[in-house]
Amino acid sequence: MLELAPKQWRMHPENSEISRVNGEVEEWLAGADVPFSGIYLANLTVEELVTNCIKYGYAGMDTTDKGIDVVISIVGGELIIILSDDAAPFDPLAQAAPDLTIPLEDRPIGGLGIHMLRQMSTGFAYAFENGRNVVTITKQLV
């Protein structure tokens, strides 16, 4: 059964950091023979949640001393991705699922990223702890 000790990445809330961390995450997971579905979910999690955090959570804030942490591990064959930040409190689970019955051209922008993460994962949790948003996404790897 696949096991990986936790590895952490610290990001400054800048869009340029997303590609850096995603590249390192992908290299680390691929080097451990993690299935593509796990690598894809890890990259999508960083891309979507960090983008939302930068765009909305840190909007109007001085981010000089701010940071986003990504911790990834595999325990008992389960991929665990924990993303935490010190931005304004935001519970992604409180957002309504997008109405996928509306024609694409009529849908409002936004909401699909979190919806996709919820659909692709086997677990999605949010907490606000010690002044930080903490999102935990899990996926049982086959």
C-alpha atoms as a PDB file:
ATOM      1  CA  MET A   1       0.000   0.000   0.000  1.00  0.00           C
ATOM      2  CA  LEU A   2       1.328   3.411  -0.996  1.00  0.00           C
ATOM      3  CA  GLU A   3       2.609   5.576   1.871  1.00  0.00           C
ATOM      4  CA  LEU A   4       4.314   8.978   1.756  1.00  0.00           C
ATOM      5  CA  ALA A   5       5.427  11.011   4.753  1.00  0.00           C
ATOM      6  CA  PRO A   6       4.026  14.561   4.776  1.00  0.00           C
ATOM      7  CA  LYS A   7       5.800  17.132   2.637  1.00  0.00           C
ATOM      8  CA  GLN A   8       5.103  20.852   2.986  1.00  0.00           C
ATOM      9  CA  TRP A   9       5.323  23.797   0.614  1.00  0.00           C
ATOM     10  CA  ARG A  10       5.086  27.424   1.771  1.00  0.00           C
ATOM     11  CA  MET A  11       3.765  29.943  -0.724  1.00  0.00           C
ATOM     12  CA  HIS A  12       3.584  33.702  -0.767  1.00  0.00           C
ATOM     13  CA  PRO A  13       0.100  34.709  -1.995  1.00  0.00           C
ATOM     14  CA  GLU A  14       1.167  35.436  -5.586  1.00  0.00           C
ATOM     15  CA  ASN A  15      -0.107  33.726  -8.728  1.00  0.00           C
ATOM     16  CA  SER A  16       3.459  32.993  -9.854  1.00  0.00           C
ATOM     17  CA  GLU A  17       3.855  30.692  -6.860  1.00  0.00           C
ATOM     18  CA  ILE A  18       1.128  28.339  -8.121  1.00  0.00           C
ATOM     19  CA  SER A  19       3.127  26.985 -11.057  1.00  0.00           C
ATOM     20  CA  ARG A  20       6.260  26.641  -8.924  1.00  0.00           C
ATOM     21  CA  VAL A  21       4.514  24.611  -6.234  1.00  0.00           C
ATOM     22  CA  ASN A  22       2.488  22.571  -8.728  1.00  0.00           C
ATOM     23  CA  GLY A  23       5.684  21.642 -10.559  1.00  0.00           C
ATOM     24  CA  GLU A  24       7.334  20.517  -7.325  1.00  0.00           C
ATOM     25  CA  VAL A  25       4.223  18.616  -6.193  1.00  0.00           C
ATOM     26  CA  GLU A  26       3.952  16.835  -9.532  1.00  0.00           C
ATOM     27  CA  GLU A  27       7.636  15.880  -9.549  1.00  0.00           C
ATOM     28  CA  TRP A  28       7.486  14.592  -5.962  1.00  0.00           C
ATOM     29  CA  LEU A  29       4.304  12.550  -6.450  1.00  0.00           C
ATOM     30  CA  ALA A  30       5.381  11.159  -9.833  1.00  0.00           C
ATOM     31  CA  GLY A  31       8.712  10.135  -8.312  1.00  0.00           C
ATOM     32  CA  ALA A  32       6.783   8.109  -5.731  1.00  0.00           C
ATOM     33  CA  ASP A  33       4.710   6.371  -8.439  1.00  0.00           C
ATOM     34  CA  VAL A  34       1.478   8.044  -7.345  1.00  0.00           C
ATOM     35  CA  PRO A  35      -1.294   7.380  -9.914  1.00  0.00           C
ATOM     36  CA  PHE A  36      -2.160  10.168 -12.341  1.00  0.00           C
ATOM     37  CA  SER A  37      -5.545  10.696 -10.642  1.00  0.00           C
ATOM     38  CA  GLY A  38      -3.770  11.644  -7.404  1.00  0.00           C
ATOM     39  CA  ILE A  39      -1.299  13.956  -9.116  1.00  0.00           C
ATOM     40  CA  TYR A  40      -4.116  15.617 -11.046  1.00  0.00           C
ATOM     41  CA  LEU A  41      -6.185  16.154  -7.893  1.00  0.00           C
ATOM     42  CA  ALA A  42      -3.201  17.612  -6.023  1.00  0.00           C
ATOM     43  CA  ASN A  43      -2.440  20.038  -8.857  1.00  0.00           C
ATOM     44  CA  LEU A  44      -6.088  21.020  -9.283  1.00  0.00           C
ATOM     45  CA  THR A  45      -6.412  21.604  -5.534  1.00  0.00           C
ATOM     46  CA  VAL A  46      -3.423  23.935  -5.479  1.00  0.00           C
ATOM     47  CA  GLU A  47      -4.535  25.715  -8.663  1.00  0.00           C
ATOM     48  CA  GLU A  48      -8.165  26.263  -7.646  1.00  0.00           C
ATOM     49  CA  LEU A  49      -7.916  26.901  -3.919  1.00  0.00           C
ATOM     50  CA  VAL A  50      -4.809  29.074  -4.043  1.00  0.00           C
ATOM     51  CA  THR A  51      -6.222  31.128  -6.924  1.00  0.00           C
ATOM     52  CA  ASN A  52      -9.452  31.703  -4.961  1.00  0.00           C
ATOM     53  CA  CYS A  53      -7.494  32.525  -1.827  1.00  0.00           C
ATOM     54  CA  ILE A  54      -5.344  35.115  -3.600  1.00  0.00           C
ATOM     55  CA  LYS A  55      -8.229  36.632  -5.561  1.00  0.00           C
ATOM     56  CA  TYR A  56     -10.802  36.787  -2.775  1.00  0.00           C
ATOM     57  CA  GLY A  57      -9.317  35.926   0.618  1.00  0.00           C
ATOM     58  CA  TYR A  58      -6.373  38.299   0.455  1.00  0.00           C
ATOM     59  CA  ALA A  59      -8.187  41.014  -1.538  1.00  0.00           C
ATOM     60  CA  GLY A  60      -7.272  44.422  -0.168  1.00  0.00           C
ATOM     61  CA  MET A  61      -4.835  42.997   2.415  1.00  0.00           C
ATOM     62  CA  ASP A  62      -1.167  43.726   2.839  1.00  0.00           C
ATOM     63  CA  THR A  63       0.232  40.272   2.082  1.00  0.00           C
ATOM     64  CA  THR A  64       3.839  41.028   3.026  1.00  0.00           C
ATOM     65  CA  ASP A  65       3.751  38.656   6.001  1.00  0.00           C
ATOM     66  CA  LYS A  66       1.010  36.343   4.719  1.00  0.00           C
ATOM     67  CA  GLY A  67       1.375  32.800   3.519  1.00  0.00           C
ATOM     68  CA  ILE A  68      -0.309  29.700   2.188  1.00  0.00           C
ATOM     69  CA  ASP A  69       0.820  26.237   3.256  1.00  0.00           C
ATOM     70  CA  VAL A  70       0.271  23.049   1.289  1.00  0.00           C
ATOM     71  CA  VAL A  71       0.910  19.705   2.992  1.00  0.00           C
ATOM     72  CA  ILE A  72       0.548  16.450   1.092  1.00  0.00           C
ATOM     73  CA  SER A  73       0.878  12.906   2.377  1.00  0.00           C
ATOM     74  CA  ILE A  74      -0.391   9.418   1.649  1.00  0.00           C
ATOM     75  CA  VAL A  75      -1.555   7.258   4.549  1.00  0.00           C
ATOM     76  CA  GLY A  76      -3.007   3.810   3.994  1.00  0.00           C
ATOM     77  CA  GLY A  77      -3.310   4.466   0.273  1.00  0.00           C
ATOM     78  CA  GLU A  78      -5.266   7.681   0.876  1.00  0.00           C
ATOM     79  CA  LEU A  79      -3.949  10.924  -0.591  1.00  0.00           C
ATOM     80  CA  ILE A  80      -4.313  13.751   1.929  1.00  0.00           C
ATOM     81  CA  ILE A  81      -3.975  17.369   0.780  1.00  0.00           C
ATOM     82  CA  ILE A  82      -4.164  20.101   3.413  1.00  0.00           C
ATOM     83  CA  LEU A  83      -4.162  23.716   2.328  1.00  0.00           C
ATOM     84  CA  SER A  84      -4.123  26.439   4.957  1.00  0.00           C
ATOM     85  CA  ASP A  85      -3.940  30.214   4.762  1.00  0.00           C
ATOM     86  CA  ASP A  86      -4.252  33.300   6.927  1.00  0.00           C
ATOM     87  CA  ALA A  87      -6.651  35.104   4.603  1.00  0.00           C
ATOM     88  CA  ALA A  88     -10.184  36.188   5.479  1.00  0.00           C
ATOM     89  CA  PRO A  89     -12.343  33.248   6.649  1.00  0.00           C
ATOM     90  CA  PHE A  90     -13.948  31.423   3.725  1.00  0.00           C
ATOM     91  CA  ASP A  91     -15.742  28.086   3.798  1.00  0.00           C
ATOM     92  CA  PRO A  92     -15.778  26.628   0.277  1.00  0.00           C
ATOM     93  CA  LEU A  93     -18.320  24.013   1.390  1.00  0.00           C
ATOM     94  CA  ALA A  94     -20.842  26.750   2.164  1.00  0.00           C
ATOM     95  CA  GLN A  95     -20.991  27.678  -1.521  1.00  0.00           C
ATOM     96  CA  ALA A  96     -23.934  26.348  -3.477  1.00  0.00           C
ATOM     97  CA  ALA A  97     -23.146  23.839  -6.185  1.00  0.00           C
ATOM     98  CA  PRO A  98     -23.368  25.335  -9.672  1.00  0.00           C
ATOM     99  CA  ASP A  99     -26.501  24.651 -11.672  1.00  0.00           C
ATOM    100  CA  LEU A 100     -25.152  22.471 -14.464  1.00  0.00           C
ATOM    101  CA  THR A 101     -28.526  22.408 -16.228  1.00  0.00           C
ATOM    102  CA  ILE A 102     -28.141  26.039 -17.315  1.00  0.00           C
ATOM    103  CA  PRO A 103     -26.643  26.361 -20.809  1.00  0.00           C
ATOM    104  CA  LEU A 104     -22.905  27.039 -20.607  1.00  0.00           C
ATOM    105  CA  GLU A 105     -23.174  30.486 -22.175  1.00  0.00           C
ATOM    106  CA  ASP A 106     -25.758  31.534 -19.548  1.00  0.00           C
ATOM    107  CA  ARG A 107     -23.922  30.293 -16.450  1.00  0.00           C
ATOM    108  CA  PRO A 108     -22.320  32.774 -14.072  1.00  0.00           C
ATOM    109  CA  ILE A 109     -18.536  32.697 -13.870  1.00  0.00           C
ATOM    110  CA  GLY A 110     -17.081  30.803 -10.923  1.00  0.00           C
ATOM    111  CA  GLY A 111     -17.925  27.871  -8.726  1.00  0.00           C
ATOM    112  CA  LEU A 112     -16.878  25.062 -11.049  1.00  0.00           C
ATOM    113  CA  GLY A 113     -13.420  24.577  -9.528  1.00  0.00           C
ATOM    114  CA  ILE A 114     -14.688  23.798  -6.044  1.00  0.00           C
ATOM    115  CA  HIS A 115     -17.458  21.664  -7.548  1.00  0.00           C
ATOM    116  CA  MET A 116     -14.871  19.644  -9.504  1.00  0.00           C
ATOM    117  CA  LEU A 117     -12.725  19.144  -6.396  1.00  0.00           C
ATOM    118  CA  ARG A 118     -15.726  17.893  -4.454  1.00  0.00           C
ATOM    119  CA  GLN A 119     -16.639  15.465  -7.242  1.00  0.00           C
ATOM    120  CA  MET A 120     -13.094  14.112  -7.657  1.00  0.00           C
ATOM    121  CA  SER A 121     -12.281  13.645  -3.981  1.00  0.00           C
ATOM    122  CA  THR A 122     -13.513  11.106  -1.457  1.00  0.00           C
ATOM    123  CA  GLY A 123     -13.398  13.669   1.341  1.00  0.00           C
ATOM    124  CA  PHE A 124     -13.563  17.488   1.538  1.00  0.00           C
ATOM    125  CA  ALA A 125     -13.517  19.327   4.871  1.00  0.00           C
ATOM    126  CA  TYR A 126     -13.119  22.925   6.047  1.00  0.00           C
ATOM    127  CA  ALA A 127     -12.252  24.419   9.420  1.00  0.00           C
ATOM    128  CA  PHE A 128     -11.157  27.819  10.679  1.00  0.00           C
ATOM    129  CA  GLU A 129      -8.455  27.107  13.267  1.00  0.00           C
ATOM    130  CA  ASN A 130      -6.042  29.469  15.018  1.00  0.00           C
ATOM    131  CA  GLY A 131      -6.819  32.291  12.588  1.00  0.00           C
ATOM    132  CA  ARG A 132      -6.321  30.095   9.512  1.00  0.00           C
ATOM    133  CA  ASN A 133      -8.580  28.581   6.889  1.00  0.00           C
ATOM    134  CA  VAL A 134      -7.823  24.867   6.683  1.00  0.00           C
ATOM    135  CA  VAL A 135      -9.146  22.795   3.781  1.00  0.00           C
ATOM    136  CA  THR A 136      -8.493  19.055   3.756  1.00  0.00           C
ATOM    137  CA  ILE A 137      -9.107  17.050   0.608  1.00  0.00           C
ATOM    138  CA  THR A 138      -8.685  13.291   0.498  1.00  0.00           C
ATOM    139  CA  LYS A 139      -8.807  10.645  -2.207  1.00  0.00           C
ATOM    140  CA  GLN A 140      -8.481   6.914  -1.873  1.00  0.00           C
ATOM    141  CA  LEU A 141      -5.940   5.842  -4.478  1.00  0.00           C
ATOM    142  CA  VAL A 142      -6.444   2.589  -6.360  1.00  0.00           C
END
